[in-house]
Amino acid sequence: MASNASRKLFSAALSLPARERADLAHELLRSLDQSEDPDAAEAWLAEIEKRAREVEAGTAELADWAAVRQRLENRWRKRSG
Protein backbone atom coordinates (compact mmCIF):
# COMPACT_ATOMS: atom_id res chain seq x y z
CA MET A 1 0.00 0.00 0.00
CA ALA A 2 2.28 2.68 -1.22
CA SER A 3 -0.06 5.37 -2.43
CA ASN A 4 -2.40 7.58 -0.47
CA ALA A 5 -5.27 6.45 -2.71
CA SER A 6 -4.54 2.82 -1.80
CA ARG A 7 -4.59 3.63 1.90
CA LYS A 8 -7.91 5.47 1.57
CA LEU A 9 -9.40 2.59 -0.40
CA PHE A 10 -8.18 0.08 2.17
CA SER A 11 -9.62 2.15 5.01
CA ALA A 12 -12.96 2.38 3.21
CA ALA A 13 -12.97 -1.37 2.61
CA LEU A 14 -12.34 -2.03 6.30
CA SER A 15 -15.40 0.00 7.19
CA LEU A 16 -17.67 -2.37 5.22
CA PRO A 17 -19.72 -5.00 7.02
CA ALA A 18 -17.97 -8.36 7.37
CA ARG A 19 -19.99 -10.06 4.61
CA GLU A 20 -19.22 -7.29 2.13
CA ARG A 21 -15.51 -7.38 3.08
CA ALA A 22 -15.51 -11.13 2.49
CA ASP A 23 -17.18 -10.70 -0.91
CA LEU A 24 -14.71 -7.98 -1.83
CA ALA A 25 -11.74 -10.09 -0.72
CA HIS A 26 -13.04 -13.02 -2.74
CA GLU A 27 -13.41 -10.91 -5.87
CA LEU A 28 -9.97 -9.35 -5.42
CA LEU A 29 -8.37 -12.78 -5.06
CA ARG A 30 -10.22 -14.04 -8.12
CA SER A 31 -8.92 -11.06 -10.08
CA LEU A 32 -5.34 -12.14 -9.36
CA ASP A 33 -5.80 -15.59 -10.84
CA GLN A 34 -6.88 -14.91 -14.39
CA SER A 35 -4.73 -17.62 -15.90
CA GLU A 36 -6.43 -20.85 -16.79
CA ASP A 37 -4.56 -24.07 -17.28
CA PRO A 38 -5.99 -25.51 -20.49
CA ASP A 39 -4.66 -28.97 -19.60
CA ALA A 40 -6.05 -29.04 -16.06
CA ALA A 41 -9.48 -30.48 -16.87
CA GLU A 42 -7.96 -33.20 -19.03
CA ALA A 43 -5.38 -34.03 -16.37
CA TRP A 44 -8.05 -34.27 -13.65
CA LEU A 45 -10.19 -36.51 -15.83
CA ALA A 46 -7.22 -38.80 -16.47
CA GLU A 47 -6.48 -38.96 -12.73
CA ILE A 48 -10.10 -39.76 -11.87
CA GLU A 49 -10.22 -42.49 -14.50
CA LYS A 50 -6.94 -43.96 -13.23
CA ARG A 51 -8.21 -44.05 -9.66
CA ALA A 52 -11.53 -45.59 -10.72
CA ARG A 53 -9.64 -48.36 -12.56
CA GLU A 54 -7.55 -48.99 -9.42
CA VAL A 55 -10.70 -49.29 -7.29
CA GLU A 56 -12.32 -51.65 -9.80
CA ALA A 57 -9.13 -53.76 -10.00
CA GLY A 58 -8.88 -53.92 -6.22
CA THR A 59 -5.42 -52.35 -6.21
CA ALA A 60 -6.44 -49.04 -4.65
CA GLU A 61 -5.72 -48.43 -0.99
CA LEU A 62 -9.11 -47.50 0.41
CA ALA A 63 -9.74 -45.69 3.69
CA ASP A 64 -12.63 -45.89 6.11
CA TRP A 65 -14.82 -42.78 5.81
CA ALA A 66 -14.95 -42.24 9.59
CA ALA A 67 -11.14 -42.20 9.75
CA VAL A 68 -10.86 -39.83 6.80
CA ARG A 69 -13.47 -37.53 8.28
CA GLN A 70 -11.67 -37.46 11.64
CA ARG A 71 -8.36 -36.69 9.95
CA LEU A 72 -9.94 -33.81 8.01
CA GLU A 73 -11.64 -32.43 11.13
CA ASN A 74 -8.33 -32.53 13.01
CA ARG A 75 -6.57 -30.72 10.16
CA TRP A 76 -9.31 -28.08 10.06
CA ARG A 77 -9.12 -27.54 13.82
CA LYS A 78 -5.35 -26.99 13.65
CA ARG A 79 -5.79 -24.36 10.94
CA SER A 80 -8.71 -22.66 12.67
CA GLY A 81 -7.41 -22.70 16.19
PDB file of N, CA and C in Angstrom:
ATOM      1  N   MET A   1       0.831  -1.185   0.000  1.00  0.00           N
ATOM      2  CA  MET A   1       0.000   0.000   0.000  1.00  0.00           C
ATOM      3  C   MET A   1       0.869   1.239   0.000  1.00  0.00           C
ATOM      4  N   ALA A   2       1.365   1.567  -1.131  1.00  0.00           N
ATOM      5  CA  ALA A   2       2.285   2.677  -1.215  1.00  0.00           C
ATOM      6  C   ALA A   2       1.579   4.020  -1.358  1.00  0.00           C
ATOM      7  N   SER A   3       0.535   4.077  -2.144  1.00  0.00           N
ATOM      8  CA  SER A   3      -0.064   5.367  -2.433  1.00  0.00           C
ATOM      9  C   SER A   3      -1.129   5.754  -1.404  1.00  0.00           C
ATOM     10  N   ASN A   4      -1.371   7.045  -1.353  1.00  0.00           N
ATOM     11  CA  ASN A   4      -2.398   7.581  -0.470  1.00  0.00           C
ATOM     12  C   ASN A   4      -3.776   7.057  -0.898  1.00  0.00           C
ATOM     13  N   ALA A   5      -3.993   6.960  -2.197  1.00  0.00           N
ATOM     14  CA  ALA A   5      -5.266   6.451  -2.713  1.00  0.00           C
ATOM     15  C   ALA A   5      -5.490   5.015  -2.251  1.00  0.00           C
ATOM     16  N   SER A   6      -4.432   4.216  -2.255  1.00  0.00           N
ATOM     17  CA  SER A   6      -4.544   2.824  -1.799  1.00  0.00           C
ATOM     18  C   SER A   6      -4.908   2.762  -0.328  1.00  0.00           C
ATOM     19  N   ARG A   7      -4.282   3.612   0.476  1.00  0.00           N
ATOM     20  CA  ARG A   7      -4.589   3.631   1.903  1.00  0.00           C
ATOM     21  C   ARG A   7      -6.038   4.039   2.150  1.00  0.00           C
ATOM     22  N   LYS A   8      -6.530   5.022   1.415  1.00  0.00           N
ATOM     23  CA  LYS A   8      -7.910   5.467   1.565  1.00  0.00           C
ATOM     24  C   LYS A   8      -8.874   4.349   1.154  1.00  0.00           C
ATOM     25  N   LEU A   9      -8.562   3.683   0.062  1.00  0.00           N
ATOM     26  CA  LEU A   9      -9.404   2.590  -0.403  1.00  0.00           C
ATOM     27  C   LEU A   9      -9.435   1.456   0.615  1.00  0.00           C
ATOM     28  N   PHE A  10      -8.271   1.136   1.166  1.00  0.00           N
ATOM     29  CA  PHE A  10      -8.181   0.085   2.173  1.00  0.00           C
ATOM     30  C   PHE A  10      -8.993   0.457   3.406  1.00  0.00           C
ATOM     31  N   SER A  11      -8.872   1.681   3.838  1.00  0.00           N
ATOM     32  CA  SER A  11      -9.622   2.151   5.005  1.00  0.00           C
ATOM     33  C   SER A  11     -11.125   2.069   4.747  1.00  0.00           C
ATOM     34  N   ALA A  12     -11.545   2.454   3.556  1.00  0.00           N
ATOM     35  CA  ALA A  12     -12.965   2.380   3.214  1.00  0.00           C
ATOM     36  C   ALA A  12     -13.436   0.928   3.188  1.00  0.00           C
ATOM     37  N   ALA A  13     -12.601   0.050   2.663  1.00  0.00           N
ATOM     38  CA  ALA A  13     -12.969  -1.367   2.606  1.00  0.00           C
ATOM     39  C   ALA A  13     -13.122  -1.936   4.009  1.00  0.00           C
ATOM     40  N   LEU A  14     -12.259  -1.538   4.926  1.00  0.00           N
ATOM     41  CA  LEU A  14     -12.336  -2.031   6.297  1.00  0.00           C
ATOM     42  C   LEU A  14     -13.602  -1.563   7.015  1.00  0.00           C
ATOM     43  N   SER A  15     -14.191  -0.500   6.539  1.00  0.00           N
ATOM     44  CA  SER A  15     -15.401  -0.001   7.193  1.00  0.00           C
ATOM     45  C   SER A  15     -16.660  -0.739   6.722  1.00  0.00           C
ATOM     46  N   LEU A  16     -16.531  -1.589   5.716  1.00  0.00           N
ATOM     47  CA  LEU A  16     -17.671  -2.365   5.220  1.00  0.00           C
ATOM     48  C   LEU A  16     -18.060  -3.435   6.231  1.00  0.00           C
ATOM     49  N   PRO A  17     -19.313  -3.868   6.182  1.00  0.00           N
ATOM     50  CA  PRO A  17     -19.724  -5.003   7.023  1.00  0.00           C
ATOM     51  C   PRO A  17     -18.918  -6.249   6.643  1.00  0.00           C
ATOM     52  N   ALA A  18     -18.811  -7.168   7.569  1.00  0.00           N
ATOM     53  CA  ALA A  18     -17.970  -8.360   7.374  1.00  0.00           C
ATOM     54  C   ALA A  18     -18.313  -9.108   6.090  1.00  0.00           C
ATOM     55  N   ARG A  19     -19.594  -9.308   5.810  1.00  0.00           N
ATOM     56  CA  ARG A  19     -19.993 -10.064   4.612  1.00  0.00           C
ATOM     57  C   ARG A  19     -19.532  -9.361   3.339  1.00  0.00           C
ATOM     58  N   GLU A  20     -19.658  -8.041   3.301  1.00  0.00           N
ATOM     59  CA  GLU A  20     -19.222  -7.287   2.127  1.00  0.00           C
ATOM     60  C   GLU A  20     -17.703  -7.320   1.992  1.00  0.00           C
ATOM     61  N   ARG A  21     -16.974  -7.271   3.120  1.00  0.00           N
ATOM     62  CA  ARG A  21     -15.511  -7.380   3.075  1.00  0.00           C
ATOM     63  C   ARG A  21     -15.101  -8.743   2.530  1.00  0.00           C
ATOM     64  N   ALA A  22     -15.817  -9.787   2.969  1.00  0.00           N
ATOM     65  CA  ALA A  22     -15.510 -11.133   2.487  1.00  0.00           C
ATOM     66  C   ALA A  22     -15.760 -11.231   0.984  1.00  0.00           C
ATOM     67  N   ASP A  23     -16.881 -10.686   0.526  1.00  0.00           N
ATOM     68  CA  ASP A  23     -17.181 -10.700  -0.908  1.00  0.00           C
ATOM     69  C   ASP A  23     -16.118  -9.934  -1.692  1.00  0.00           C
ATOM     70  N   LEU A  24     -15.728  -8.789  -1.175  1.00  0.00           N
ATOM     71  CA  LEU A  24     -14.707  -7.983  -1.832  1.00  0.00           C
ATOM     72  C   LEU A  24     -13.375  -8.727  -1.879  1.00  0.00           C
ATOM     73  N   ALA A  25     -12.993  -9.329  -0.762  1.00  0.00           N
ATOM     74  CA  ALA A  25     -11.737 -10.087  -0.723  1.00  0.00           C
ATOM     75  C   ALA A  25     -11.774 -11.229  -1.726  1.00  0.00           C
ATOM     76  N   HIS A  26     -12.896 -11.910  -1.794  1.00  0.00           N
ATOM     77  CA  HIS A  26     -13.041 -13.017  -2.741  1.00  0.00           C
ATOM     78  C   HIS A  26     -12.858 -12.526  -4.179  1.00  0.00           C
ATOM     79  N   GLU A  27     -13.513 -11.449  -4.516  1.00  0.00           N
ATOM     80  CA  GLU A  27     -13.408 -10.911  -5.873  1.00  0.00           C
ATOM     81  C   GLU A  27     -11.990 -10.416  -6.180  1.00  0.00           C
ATOM     82  N   LEU A  28     -11.348  -9.803  -5.202  1.00  0.00           N
ATOM     83  CA  LEU A  28      -9.970  -9.351  -5.418  1.00  0.00           C
ATOM     84  C   LEU A  28      -9.031 -10.538  -5.652  1.00  0.00           C
ATOM     85  N   LEU A  29      -9.198 -11.583  -4.864  1.00  0.00           N
ATOM     86  CA  LEU A  29      -8.368 -12.775  -5.058  1.00  0.00           C
ATOM     87  C   LEU A  29      -8.631 -13.418  -6.406  1.00  0.00           C
ATOM     88  N   ARG A  30      -9.892 -13.485  -6.797  1.00  0.00           N
ATOM     89  CA  ARG A  30     -10.218 -14.044  -8.116  1.00  0.00           C
ATOM     90  C   ARG A  30      -9.580 -13.227  -9.230  1.00  0.00           C
ATOM     91  N   SER A  31      -9.494 -11.918  -9.039  1.00  0.00           N
ATOM     92  CA  SER A  31      -8.922 -11.062 -10.082  1.00  0.00           C
ATOM     93  C   SER A  31      -7.428 -11.310 -10.270  1.00  0.00           C
ATOM     94  N   LEU A  32      -6.772 -11.864  -9.252  1.00  0.00           N
ATOM     95  CA  LEU A  32      -5.339 -12.141  -9.355  1.00  0.00           C
ATOM     96  C   LEU A  32      -5.054 -13.410 -10.141  1.00  0.00           C
ATOM     97  N   ASP A  33      -6.003 -14.301 -10.179  1.00  0.00           N
ATOM     98  CA  ASP A  33      -5.795 -15.586 -10.838  1.00  0.00           C
ATOM     99  C   ASP A  33      -6.610 -15.655 -12.122  1.00  0.00           C
ATOM    100  N   GLN A  34      -6.177 -14.928 -13.113  1.00  0.00           N
ATOM    101  CA  GLN A  34      -6.881 -14.905 -14.387  1.00  0.00           C
ATOM    102  C   GLN A  34      -6.379 -15.976 -15.349  1.00  0.00           C
ATOM    103  N   SER A  35      -5.280 -16.615 -14.990  1.00  0.00           N
ATOM    104  CA  SER A  35      -4.733 -17.618 -15.896  1.00  0.00           C
ATOM    105  C   SER A  35      -5.471 -18.936 -15.721  1.00  0.00           C
ATOM    106  N   GLU A  36      -5.789 -19.543 -16.822  1.00  0.00           N
ATOM    107  CA  GLU A  36      -6.434 -20.850 -16.791  1.00  0.00           C
ATOM    108  C   GLU A  36      -5.467 -21.856 -17.387  1.00  0.00           C
ATOM    109  N   ASP A  37      -5.402 -22.996 -16.783  1.00  0.00           N
ATOM    110  CA  ASP A  37      -4.563 -24.071 -17.284  1.00  0.00           C
ATOM    111  C   ASP A  37      -5.408 -24.897 -18.243  1.00  0.00           C
ATOM    112  N   PRO A  38      -5.151 -24.798 -19.529  1.00  0.00           N
ATOM    113  CA  PRO A  38      -5.991 -25.511 -20.494  1.00  0.00           C
ATOM    114  C   PRO A  38      -5.898 -27.027 -20.360  1.00  0.00           C
ATOM    115  N   ASP A  39      -4.836 -27.518 -19.749  1.00  0.00           N
ATOM    116  CA  ASP A  39      -4.661 -28.966 -19.601  1.00  0.00           C
ATOM    117  C   ASP A  39      -5.205 -29.496 -18.276  1.00  0.00           C
ATOM    118  N   ALA A  40      -5.642 -28.614 -17.395  1.00  0.00           N
ATOM    119  CA  ALA A  40      -6.051 -29.040 -16.058  1.00  0.00           C
ATOM    120  C   ALA A  40      -7.256 -29.976 -16.093  1.00  0.00           C
ATOM    121  N   ALA A  41      -8.277 -29.638 -16.832  1.00  0.00           N
ATOM    122  CA  ALA A  41      -9.477 -30.478 -16.873  1.00  0.00           C
ATOM    123  C   ALA A  41      -9.143 -31.864 -17.410  1.00  0.00           C
ATOM    124  N   GLU A  42      -8.351 -31.905 -18.447  1.00  0.00           N
ATOM    125  CA  GLU A  42      -7.963 -33.198 -19.026  1.00  0.00           C
ATOM    126  C   GLU A  42      -7.121 -34.012 -18.042  1.00  0.00           C
ATOM    127  N   ALA A  43      -6.225 -33.342 -17.337  1.00  0.00           N
ATOM    128  CA  ALA A  43      -5.381 -34.032 -16.366  1.00  0.00           C
ATOM    129  C   ALA A  43      -6.216 -34.578 -15.211  1.00  0.00           C
ATOM    130  N   TRP A  44      -7.188 -33.789 -14.723  1.00  0.00           N
ATOM    131  CA  TRP A  44      -8.052 -34.269 -13.645  1.00  0.00           C
ATOM    132  C   TRP A  44      -8.884 -35.457 -14.098  1.00  0.00           C
ATOM    133  N   LEU A  45      -9.405 -35.397 -15.312  1.00  0.00           N
ATOM    134  CA  LEU A  45     -10.192 -36.507 -15.833  1.00  0.00           C
ATOM    135  C   LEU A  45      -9.348 -37.776 -15.914  1.00  0.00           C
ATOM    136  N   ALA A  46      -8.112 -37.643 -16.389  1.00  0.00           N
ATOM    137  CA  ALA A  46      -7.219 -38.801 -16.473  1.00  0.00           C
ATOM    138  C   ALA A  46      -6.940 -39.374 -15.086  1.00  0.00           C
ATOM    139  N   GLU A  47      -6.744 -38.508 -14.099  1.00  0.00           N
ATOM    140  CA  GLU A  47      -6.481 -38.964 -12.732  1.00  0.00           C
ATOM    141  C   GLU A  47      -7.693 -39.685 -12.145  1.00  0.00           C
ATOM    142  N   ILE A  48      -8.871 -39.136 -12.368  1.00  0.00           N
ATOM    143  CA  ILE A  48     -10.096 -39.761 -11.867  1.00  0.00           C
ATOM    144  C   ILE A  48     -10.291 -41.131 -12.511  1.00  0.00           C
ATOM    145  N   GLU A  49     -10.071 -41.207 -13.813  1.00  0.00           N
ATOM    146  CA  GLU A  49     -10.222 -42.490 -14.504  1.00  0.00           C
ATOM    147  C   GLU A  49      -9.213 -43.510 -13.987  1.00  0.00           C
ATOM    148  N   LYS A  50      -7.977 -43.065 -13.752  1.00  0.00           N
ATOM    149  CA  LYS A  50      -6.938 -43.959 -13.229  1.00  0.00           C
ATOM    150  C   LYS A  50      -7.334 -44.502 -11.863  1.00  0.00           C
ATOM    151  N   ARG A  51      -7.814 -43.618 -11.004  1.00  0.00           N
ATOM    152  CA  ARG A  51      -8.210 -44.046  -9.661  1.00  0.00           C
ATOM    153  C   ARG A  51      -9.420 -44.983  -9.703  1.00  0.00           C
ATOM    154  N   ALA A  52     -10.364 -44.713 -10.590  1.00  0.00           N
ATOM    155  CA  ALA A  52     -11.526 -45.587 -10.724  1.00  0.00           C
ATOM    156  C   ALA A  52     -11.092 -46.979 -11.176  1.00  0.00           C
ATOM    157  N   ARG A  53     -10.146 -47.055 -12.113  1.00  0.00           N
ATOM    158  CA  ARG A  53      -9.638 -48.363 -12.560  1.00  0.00           C
ATOM    159  C   ARG A  53      -8.955 -49.099 -11.409  1.00  0.00           C
ATOM    160  N   GLU A  54      -8.222 -48.368 -10.564  1.00  0.00           N
ATOM    161  CA  GLU A  54      -7.554 -48.991  -9.418  1.00  0.00           C
ATOM    162  C   GLU A  54      -8.579 -49.547  -8.429  1.00  0.00           C
ATOM    163  N   VAL A  55      -9.658 -48.810  -8.205  1.00  0.00           N
ATOM    164  CA  VAL A  55     -10.704 -49.294  -7.295  1.00  0.00           C
ATOM    165  C   VAL A  55     -11.342 -50.547  -7.881  1.00  0.00           C
ATOM    166  N   GLU A  56     -11.690 -50.491  -9.155  1.00  0.00           N
ATOM    167  CA  GLU A  56     -12.321 -51.647  -9.803  1.00  0.00           C
ATOM    168  C   GLU A  56     -11.400 -52.864  -9.806  1.00  0.00           C
ATOM    169  N   ALA A  57     -10.091 -52.655  -9.954  1.00  0.00           N
ATOM    170  CA  ALA A  57      -9.132 -53.759  -9.996  1.00  0.00           C
ATOM    171  C   ALA A  57      -8.788 -54.269  -8.600  1.00  0.00           C
ATOM    172  N   GLY A  58      -9.192 -53.518  -7.584  1.00  0.00           N
ATOM    173  CA  GLY A  58      -8.876 -53.924  -6.218  1.00  0.00           C
ATOM    174  C   GLY A  58      -7.465 -53.584  -5.787  1.00  0.00           C
ATOM    175  N   THR A  59      -6.801 -52.717  -6.542  1.00  0.00           N
ATOM    176  CA  THR A  59      -5.421 -52.350  -6.211  1.00  0.00           C
ATOM    177  C   THR A  59      -5.325 -51.010  -5.472  1.00  0.00           C
ATOM    178  N   ALA A  60      -6.445 -50.324  -5.344  1.00  0.00           N
ATOM    179  CA  ALA A  60      -6.437 -49.038  -4.649  1.00  0.00           C
ATOM    180  C   ALA A  60      -6.412 -49.262  -3.149  1.00  0.00           C
ATOM    181  N   GLU A  61      -5.720 -48.377  -2.455  1.00  0.00           N
ATOM    182  CA  GLU A  61      -5.719 -48.432  -0.991  1.00  0.00           C
ATOM    183  C   GLU A  61      -6.871 -47.564  -0.504  1.00  0.00           C
ATOM    184  N   LEU A  62      -7.912 -48.215  -0.016  1.00  0.00           N
ATOM    185  CA  LEU A  62      -9.106 -47.499   0.414  1.00  0.00           C
ATOM    186  C   LEU A  62      -9.023 -47.173   1.899  1.00  0.00           C
ATOM    187  N   ALA A  63      -9.726 -46.113   2.292  1.00  0.00           N
ATOM    188  CA  ALA A  63      -9.738 -45.691   3.694  1.00  0.00           C
ATOM    189  C   ALA A  63     -11.170 -45.649   4.200  1.00  0.00           C
ATOM    190  N   ASP A  64     -11.338 -45.947   5.459  1.00  0.00           N
ATOM    191  CA  ASP A  64     -12.632 -45.887   6.111  1.00  0.00           C
ATOM    192  C   ASP A  64     -13.076 -44.426   6.205  1.00  0.00           C
ATOM    193  N   TRP A  65     -14.330 -44.143   5.818  1.00  0.00           N
ATOM    194  CA  TRP A  65     -14.823 -42.776   5.810  1.00  0.00           C
ATOM    195  C   TRP A  65     -14.719 -42.121   7.185  1.00  0.00           C
ATOM    196  N   ALA A  66     -15.015 -42.826   8.243  1.00  0.00           N
ATOM    197  CA  ALA A  66     -14.948 -42.240   9.589  1.00  0.00           C
ATOM    198  C   ALA A  66     -13.527 -41.783   9.906  1.00  0.00           C
ATOM    199  N   ALA A  67     -12.540 -42.572   9.502  1.00  0.00           N
ATOM    200  CA  ALA A  67     -11.143 -42.201   9.753  1.00  0.00           C
ATOM    201  C   ALA A  67     -10.736 -40.989   8.919  1.00  0.00           C
ATOM    202  N   VAL A  68     -11.174 -40.968   7.666  1.00  0.00           N
ATOM    203  CA  VAL A  68     -10.859 -39.829   6.796  1.00  0.00           C
ATOM    204  C   VAL A  68     -11.509 -38.570   7.347  1.00  0.00           C
ATOM    205  N   ARG A  69     -12.764 -38.686   7.743  1.00  0.00           N
ATOM    206  CA  ARG A  69     -13.470 -37.531   8.283  1.00  0.00           C
ATOM    207  C   ARG A  69     -12.783 -36.999   9.534  1.00  0.00           C
ATOM    208  N   GLN A  70     -12.356 -37.883  10.416  1.00  0.00           N
ATOM    209  CA  GLN A  70     -11.672 -37.459  11.639  1.00  0.00           C
ATOM    210  C   GLN A  70     -10.357 -36.759  11.312  1.00  0.00           C
ATOM    211  N   ARG A  71      -9.625 -37.302  10.350  1.00  0.00           N
ATOM    212  CA  ARG A  71      -8.355 -36.692   9.948  1.00  0.00           C
ATOM    213  C   ARG A  71      -8.597 -35.291   9.386  1.00  0.00           C
ATOM    214  N   LEU A  72      -9.628 -35.124   8.572  1.00  0.00           N
ATOM    215  CA  LEU A  72      -9.942 -33.808   8.010  1.00  0.00           C
ATOM    216  C   LEU A  72     -10.392 -32.836   9.090  1.00  0.00           C
ATOM    217  N   GLU A  73     -11.203 -33.294  10.035  1.00  0.00           N
ATOM    218  CA  GLU A  73     -11.639 -32.433  11.132  1.00  0.00           C
ATOM    219  C   GLU A  73     -10.449 -31.977  11.969  1.00  0.00           C
ATOM    220  N   ASN A  74      -9.526 -32.892  12.240  1.00  0.00           N
ATOM    221  CA  ASN A  74      -8.333 -32.534  13.015  1.00  0.00           C
ATOM    222  C   ASN A  74      -7.493 -31.494  12.272  1.00  0.00           C
ATOM    223  N   ARG A  75      -7.348 -31.685  10.972  1.00  0.00           N
ATOM    224  CA  ARG A  75      -6.569 -30.723  10.164  1.00  0.00           C
ATOM    225  C   ARG A  75      -7.240 -29.362  10.178  1.00  0.00           C
ATOM    226  N   TRP A  76      -8.574 -29.343  10.057  1.00  0.00           N
ATOM    227  CA  TRP A  76      -9.312 -28.083  10.058  1.00  0.00           C
ATOM    228  C   TRP A  76      -9.183 -27.375  11.391  1.00  0.00           C
ATOM    229  N   ARG A  77      -9.252 -28.142  12.490  1.00  0.00           N
ATOM    230  CA  ARG A  77      -9.122 -27.535  13.821  1.00  0.00           C
ATOM    231  C   ARG A  77      -7.754 -26.907  14.019  1.00  0.00           C
ATOM    232  N   LYS A  78      -6.703 -27.552  13.512  1.00  0.00           N
ATOM    233  CA  LYS A  78      -5.350 -26.995  13.646  1.00  0.00           C
ATOM    234  C   LYS A  78      -5.234 -25.684  12.904  1.00  0.00           C
ATOM    235  N   ARG A  79      -5.852 -25.590  11.741  1.00  0.00           N
ATOM    236  CA  ARG A  79      -5.789 -24.361  10.943  1.00  0.00           C
ATOM    237  C   ARG A  79      -6.663 -23.248  11.530  1.00  0.00           C
ATOM    238  N   SER A  80      -7.770 -23.636  12.136  1.00  0.00           N
ATOM    239  CA  SER A  80      -8.714 -22.657  12.668  1.00  0.00           C
ATOM    240  C   SER A  80      -8.343 -22.163  14.064  1.00  0.00           C
ATOM    241  N   GLY A  81      -7.662 -22.998  14.786  1.00  0.00           N
ATOM    242  CA  GLY A  81      -7.412 -22.696  16.194  1.00  0.00           C
ATOM    243  C   GLY A  81      -6.227 -21.883  16.422  1.00  0.00           C
TER     244      GLY A  81
END
